[in-house]
Amino acid sequence: MGAHCAIAQQASQAEAAKRADLLAHAAQVKRLTKLAGPYAQQVVADARSFNLQPQLVASVLYVENDGDFAGSAHRISQAGAIGPMQLMPVTARLLSVNPYKPRQNIQGGVRFLKRMLHRFHGNTQLALMAYNEGPTAVAEGTRYVQAVAYAKKVVQVWQSSSSD
């Protein structure tokens, strides 16, 4: 009878841990809704799966859309970047995602951001500039005003969201 009680207790503890994780996930989604709009739940899930801070990913998404998520699923910038995470077509192809499908677009954007952070040894400023301008230019030492301003804006949004 003791073994059955131990198994039941372990199952109960596992269920409690799962409930706690779901509650934490829901709370994080709620906090990030301002930054990621209708994409908050996916941002949290994808950021966690790539071991990134959801606030950072949500801040990129927020800046890429200027806080306006209406129509972002099919938005195309003047430079040709597509969707909520504003992926360039060549980047989307390299990541094997369809940039016109929001779920794939966000997953691709998260994966690309993770790659940039890895490429630039965790330097968030350089990774964000590379996300915006392209990794080759940043690796060669080019610091375009637009990319520097973009990185600064994302960091400001990220820091203000982390203090909420």
C-alpha atoms as a PDB file:
ATOM      1  CA  MET A   1       0.000   0.000   0.000  1.00  0.00           C
ATOM      2  CA  GLY A   2       2.950   2.328   0.683  1.00  0.00           C
ATOM      3  CA  ALA A   3       4.125   2.173  -2.944  1.00  0.00           C
ATOM      4  CA  HIS A   4       0.677   3.220  -4.188  1.00  0.00           C
ATOM      5  CA  CYS A   5       0.680   6.222  -1.856  1.00  0.00           C
ATOM      6  CA  ALA A   6       4.154   7.264  -3.040  1.00  0.00           C
ATOM      7  CA  ILE A   7       3.075   7.015  -6.687  1.00  0.00           C
ATOM      8  CA  ALA A   8      -0.087   9.001  -5.981  1.00  0.00           C
ATOM      9  CA  GLN A   9       1.940  11.640  -4.129  1.00  0.00           C
ATOM     10  CA  GLN A  10       4.412  11.947  -7.036  1.00  0.00           C
ATOM     11  CA  ALA A  11       1.537  12.298  -9.510  1.00  0.00           C
ATOM     12  CA  SER A  12      -0.047  14.950  -7.314  1.00  0.00           C
ATOM     13  CA  GLN A  13       3.241  16.861  -7.099  1.00  0.00           C
ATOM     14  CA  ALA A  14       3.698  16.644 -10.873  1.00  0.00           C
ATOM     15  CA  GLU A  15       0.170  17.976 -11.429  1.00  0.00           C
ATOM     16  CA  ALA A  16       0.796  20.829  -8.990  1.00  0.00           C
ATOM     17  CA  ALA A  17       4.048  21.733 -10.758  1.00  0.00           C
ATOM     18  CA  LYS A  18       2.295  21.645 -14.123  1.00  0.00           C
ATOM     19  CA  ARG A  19      -0.491  23.909 -12.812  1.00  0.00           C
ATOM     20  CA  ALA A  20       2.089  26.323 -11.381  1.00  0.00           C
ATOM     21  CA  ASP A  21       3.907  26.408 -14.735  1.00  0.00           C
ATOM     22  CA  LEU A  22       0.640  27.077 -16.589  1.00  0.00           C
ATOM     23  CA  LEU A  23      -0.222  29.884 -14.165  1.00  0.00           C
ATOM     24  CA  ALA A  24       3.238  31.432 -14.586  1.00  0.00           C
ATOM     25  CA  HIS A  25       2.907  31.155 -18.373  1.00  0.00           C
ATOM     26  CA  ALA A  26      -0.530  32.818 -18.282  1.00  0.00           C
ATOM     27  CA  ALA A  27       0.758  35.630 -16.068  1.00  0.00           C
ATOM     28  CA  GLN A  28       3.691  36.226 -18.407  1.00  0.00           C
ATOM     29  CA  VAL A  29       1.393  36.268 -21.451  1.00  0.00           C
ATOM     30  CA  LYS A  30      -0.832  38.814 -19.726  1.00  0.00           C
ATOM     31  CA  ARG A  31       2.156  41.064 -18.916  1.00  0.00           C
ATOM     32  CA  LEU A  32       3.452  40.852 -22.491  1.00  0.00           C
ATOM     33  CA  THR A  33       0.139  41.573 -24.208  1.00  0.00           C
ATOM     34  CA  LYS A  34       0.983  45.298 -24.301  1.00  0.00           C
ATOM     35  CA  LEU A  35       4.223  44.566 -26.154  1.00  0.00           C
ATOM     36  CA  ALA A  36       3.220  41.629 -28.316  1.00  0.00           C
ATOM     37  CA  GLY A  37      -0.526  42.170 -28.749  1.00  0.00           C
ATOM     38  CA  PRO A  38      -2.276  39.100 -30.152  1.00  0.00           C
ATOM     39  CA  TYR A  39       1.076  37.328 -30.454  1.00  0.00           C
ATOM     40  CA  ALA A  40       1.912  37.349 -26.728  1.00  0.00           C
ATOM     41  CA  GLN A  41       1.216  33.665 -26.126  1.00  0.00           C
ATOM     42  CA  GLN A  42       3.306  32.571 -29.084  1.00  0.00           C
ATOM     43  CA  VAL A  43       6.118  34.966 -28.148  1.00  0.00           C
ATOM     44  CA  VAL A  44       6.326  33.454 -24.669  1.00  0.00           C
ATOM     45  CA  ALA A  45       6.288  29.882 -26.001  1.00  0.00           C
ATOM     46  CA  ASP A  46       8.837  30.502 -28.775  1.00  0.00           C
ATOM     47  CA  ALA A  47      11.140  32.572 -26.571  1.00  0.00           C
ATOM     48  CA  ARG A  48      11.162  29.835 -23.955  1.00  0.00           C
ATOM     49  CA  SER A  49      11.822  27.135 -26.559  1.00  0.00           C
ATOM     50  CA  PHE A  50      14.873  29.081 -27.800  1.00  0.00           C
ATOM     51  CA  ASN A  51      15.957  30.011 -24.260  1.00  0.00           C
ATOM     52  CA  LEU A  52      15.435  33.752 -24.767  1.00  0.00           C
ATOM     53  CA  GLN A  53      13.762  36.259 -22.495  1.00  0.00           C
ATOM     54  CA  PRO A  54      10.162  36.701 -23.691  1.00  0.00           C
ATOM     55  CA  GLN A  55      10.372  40.435 -22.857  1.00  0.00           C
ATOM     56  CA  LEU A  56      13.239  40.851 -25.313  1.00  0.00           C
ATOM     57  CA  VAL A  57      11.400  39.057 -28.115  1.00  0.00           C
ATOM     58  CA  ALA A  58       8.216  40.995 -27.366  1.00  0.00           C
ATOM     59  CA  SER A  59      10.196  44.246 -27.427  1.00  0.00           C
ATOM     60  CA  VAL A  60      11.562  43.424 -30.889  1.00  0.00           C
ATOM     61  CA  LEU A  61       8.040  42.630 -32.092  1.00  0.00           C
ATOM     62  CA  TYR A  62       6.717  45.860 -30.555  1.00  0.00           C
ATOM     63  CA  VAL A  63       9.379  48.037 -32.195  1.00  0.00           C
ATOM     64  CA  GLU A  64       9.068  46.256 -35.546  1.00  0.00           C
ATOM     65  CA  ASN A  65       5.344  47.111 -35.563  1.00  0.00           C
ATOM     66  CA  ASP A  66       5.588  50.495 -33.878  1.00  0.00           C
ATOM     67  CA  GLY A  67       3.115  49.134 -31.337  1.00  0.00           C
ATOM     68  CA  ASP A  68       0.418  48.713 -34.006  1.00  0.00           C
ATOM     69  CA  PHE A  69      -0.507  45.075 -34.563  1.00  0.00           C
ATOM     70  CA  ALA A  70      -3.482  45.700 -36.862  1.00  0.00           C
ATOM     71  CA  GLY A  71      -2.550  44.196 -40.193  1.00  0.00           C
ATOM     72  CA  SER A  72       0.908  43.185 -38.992  1.00  0.00           C
ATOM     73  CA  ALA A  73       0.450  39.599 -40.172  1.00  0.00           C
ATOM     74  CA  HIS A  74       0.679  40.759 -43.789  1.00  0.00           C
ATOM     75  CA  ARG A  75       2.615  43.994 -43.386  1.00  0.00           C
ATOM     76  CA  ILE A  76       5.477  44.581 -45.810  1.00  0.00           C
ATOM     77  CA  SER A  77       7.973  47.356 -45.117  1.00  0.00           C
ATOM     78  CA  GLN A  78       9.451  49.633 -47.765  1.00  0.00           C
ATOM     79  CA  ALA A  79      12.625  47.522 -47.542  1.00  0.00           C
ATOM     80  CA  GLY A  80      10.588  44.351 -48.186  1.00  0.00           C
ATOM     81  CA  ALA A  81      10.529  42.929 -44.637  1.00  0.00           C
ATOM     82  CA  ILE A  82       7.421  40.845 -43.996  1.00  0.00           C
ATOM     83  CA  GLY A  83       5.046  40.120 -41.120  1.00  0.00           C
ATOM     84  CA  PRO A  84       5.050  40.720 -37.387  1.00  0.00           C
ATOM     85  CA  MET A  85       8.796  40.134 -36.911  1.00  0.00           C
ATOM     86  CA  GLN A  86       9.589  41.897 -40.213  1.00  0.00           C
ATOM     87  CA  LEU A  87      11.676  39.127 -41.759  1.00  0.00           C
ATOM     88  CA  MET A  88      13.424  39.797 -45.018  1.00  0.00           C
ATOM     89  CA  PRO A  89      12.519  37.213 -47.679  1.00  0.00           C
ATOM     90  CA  VAL A  90      16.101  35.898 -47.867  1.00  0.00           C
ATOM     91  CA  THR A  91      16.201  35.490 -44.067  1.00  0.00           C
ATOM     92  CA  ALA A  92      12.867  33.664 -44.103  1.00  0.00           C
ATOM     93  CA  ARG A  93      14.198  31.290 -46.783  1.00  0.00           C
ATOM     94  CA  LEU A  94      17.362  30.636 -44.762  1.00  0.00           C
ATOM     95  CA  LEU A  95      15.195  29.857 -41.735  1.00  0.00           C
ATOM     96  CA  SER A  96      12.792  27.713 -43.814  1.00  0.00           C
ATOM     97  CA  VAL A  97       9.725  29.682 -42.718  1.00  0.00           C
ATOM     98  CA  ASN A  98       6.874  31.256 -44.635  1.00  0.00           C
ATOM     99  CA  PRO A  99       7.044  34.927 -43.565  1.00  0.00           C
ATOM    100  CA  TYR A 100       3.384  35.428 -44.518  1.00  0.00           C
ATOM    101  CA  LYS A 101       2.249  32.956 -41.852  1.00  0.00           C
ATOM    102  CA  PRO A 102       2.421  34.781 -38.503  1.00  0.00           C
ATOM    103  CA  ARG A 103       3.219  31.671 -36.466  1.00  0.00           C
ATOM    104  CA  GLN A 104       6.172  30.786 -38.721  1.00  0.00           C
ATOM    105  CA  ASN A 105       7.198  34.437 -38.989  1.00  0.00           C
ATOM    106  CA  ILE A 106       7.464  34.806 -35.220  1.00  0.00           C
ATOM    107  CA  GLN A 107       9.254  31.497 -34.787  1.00  0.00           C
ATOM    108  CA  GLY A 108      11.671  32.505 -37.543  1.00  0.00           C
ATOM    109  CA  GLY A 109      12.237  35.909 -35.948  1.00  0.00           C
ATOM    110  CA  VAL A 110      12.960  34.313 -32.578  1.00  0.00           C
ATOM    111  CA  ARG A 111      15.344  31.808 -34.162  1.00  0.00           C
ATOM    112  CA  PHE A 112      17.107  34.596 -36.088  1.00  0.00           C
ATOM    113  CA  LEU A 113      17.452  36.707 -32.938  1.00  0.00           C
ATOM    114  CA  LYS A 114      18.905  33.700 -31.102  1.00  0.00           C
ATOM    115  CA  ARG A 115      21.416  33.208 -33.932  1.00  0.00           C
ATOM    116  CA  MET A 116      22.431  36.861 -33.800  1.00  0.00           C
ATOM    117  CA  LEU A 117      22.930  36.688 -30.038  1.00  0.00           C
ATOM    118  CA  HIS A 118      25.082  33.598 -30.514  1.00  0.00           C
ATOM    119  CA  ARG A 119      27.041  35.133 -33.392  1.00  0.00           C
ATOM    120  CA  PHE A 120      27.791  38.274 -31.386  1.00  0.00           C
ATOM    121  CA  HIS A 121      28.608  36.382 -28.183  1.00  0.00           C
ATOM    122  CA  GLY A 122      25.562  37.542 -26.224  1.00  0.00           C
ATOM    123  CA  ASN A 123      26.064  41.235 -27.018  1.00  0.00           C
ATOM    124  CA  THR A 124      22.448  42.345 -27.199  1.00  0.00           C
ATOM    125  CA  GLN A 125      23.222  45.695 -28.862  1.00  0.00           C
ATOM    126  CA  LEU A 126      25.163  44.071 -31.703  1.00  0.00           C
ATOM    127  CA  ALA A 127      22.607  41.263 -32.059  1.00  0.00           C
ATOM    128  CA  LEU A 128      19.769  43.786 -32.359  1.00  0.00           C
ATOM    129  CA  MET A 129      21.699  45.870 -34.887  1.00  0.00           C
ATOM    130  CA  ALA A 130      22.326  42.687 -36.883  1.00  0.00           C
ATOM    131  CA  TYR A 131      18.632  41.764 -36.637  1.00  0.00           C
ATOM    132  CA  ASN A 132      17.813  45.155 -38.142  1.00  0.00           C
ATOM    133  CA  GLU A 133      20.638  45.714 -40.603  1.00  0.00           C
ATOM    134  CA  GLY A 134      22.022  42.264 -41.269  1.00  0.00           C
ATOM    135  CA  PRO A 135      24.814  40.332 -39.611  1.00  0.00           C
ATOM    136  CA  THR A 136      27.443  40.887 -42.311  1.00  0.00           C
ATOM    137  CA  ALA A 137      27.474  44.662 -41.990  1.00  0.00           C
ATOM    138  CA  VAL A 138      27.631  44.506 -38.191  1.00  0.00           C
ATOM    139  CA  ALA A 139      30.362  41.849 -38.220  1.00  0.00           C
ATOM    140  CA  GLU A 140      32.402  44.074 -40.550  1.00  0.00           C
ATOM    141  CA  GLY A 141      32.135  46.924 -38.060  1.00  0.00           C
ATOM    142  CA  THR A 142      29.559  49.016 -39.898  1.00  0.00           C
ATOM    143  CA  ARG A 143      27.306  50.949 -37.529  1.00  0.00           C
ATOM    144  CA  TYR A 144      24.429  52.440 -39.495  1.00  0.00           C
ATOM    145  CA  VAL A 145      22.600  55.205 -37.656  1.00  0.00           C
ATOM    146  CA  GLN A 146      19.264  53.472 -38.244  1.00  0.00           C
ATOM    147  CA  ALA A 147      20.480  50.162 -36.802  1.00  0.00           C
ATOM    148  CA  VAL A 148      22.001  51.840 -33.740  1.00  0.00           C
ATOM    149  CA  ALA A 149      18.751  53.762 -33.128  1.00  0.00           C
ATOM    150  CA  TYR A 150      16.732  50.561 -33.608  1.00  0.00           C
ATOM    151  CA  ALA A 151      18.820  48.647 -31.055  1.00  0.00           C
ATOM    152  CA  LYS A 152      18.577  51.523 -28.583  1.00  0.00           C
ATOM    153  CA  LYS A 153      14.784  51.669 -28.961  1.00  0.00           C
ATOM    154  CA  VAL A 154      14.363  47.901 -28.486  1.00  0.00           C
ATOM    155  CA  VAL A 155      16.545  47.994 -25.360  1.00  0.00           C
ATOM    156  CA  GLN A 156      14.535  50.921 -23.956  1.00  0.00           C
ATOM    157  CA  VAL A 157      11.252  49.077 -24.515  1.00  0.00           C
ATOM    158  CA  TRP A 158      12.763  45.886 -23.088  1.00  0.00           C
ATOM    159  CA  GLN A 159      14.093  47.624 -19.966  1.00  0.00           C
ATOM    160  CA  SER A 160      10.828  49.437 -19.321  1.00  0.00           C
ATOM    161  CA  SER A 161       8.888  46.162 -19.691  1.00  0.00           C
ATOM    162  CA  SER A 162      11.220  44.395 -17.299  1.00  0.00           C
ATOM    163  CA  SER A 163      10.631  47.026 -14.617  1.00  0.00           C
ATOM    164  CA  ASP A 164       6.838  46.701 -14.825  1.00  0.00           C
END
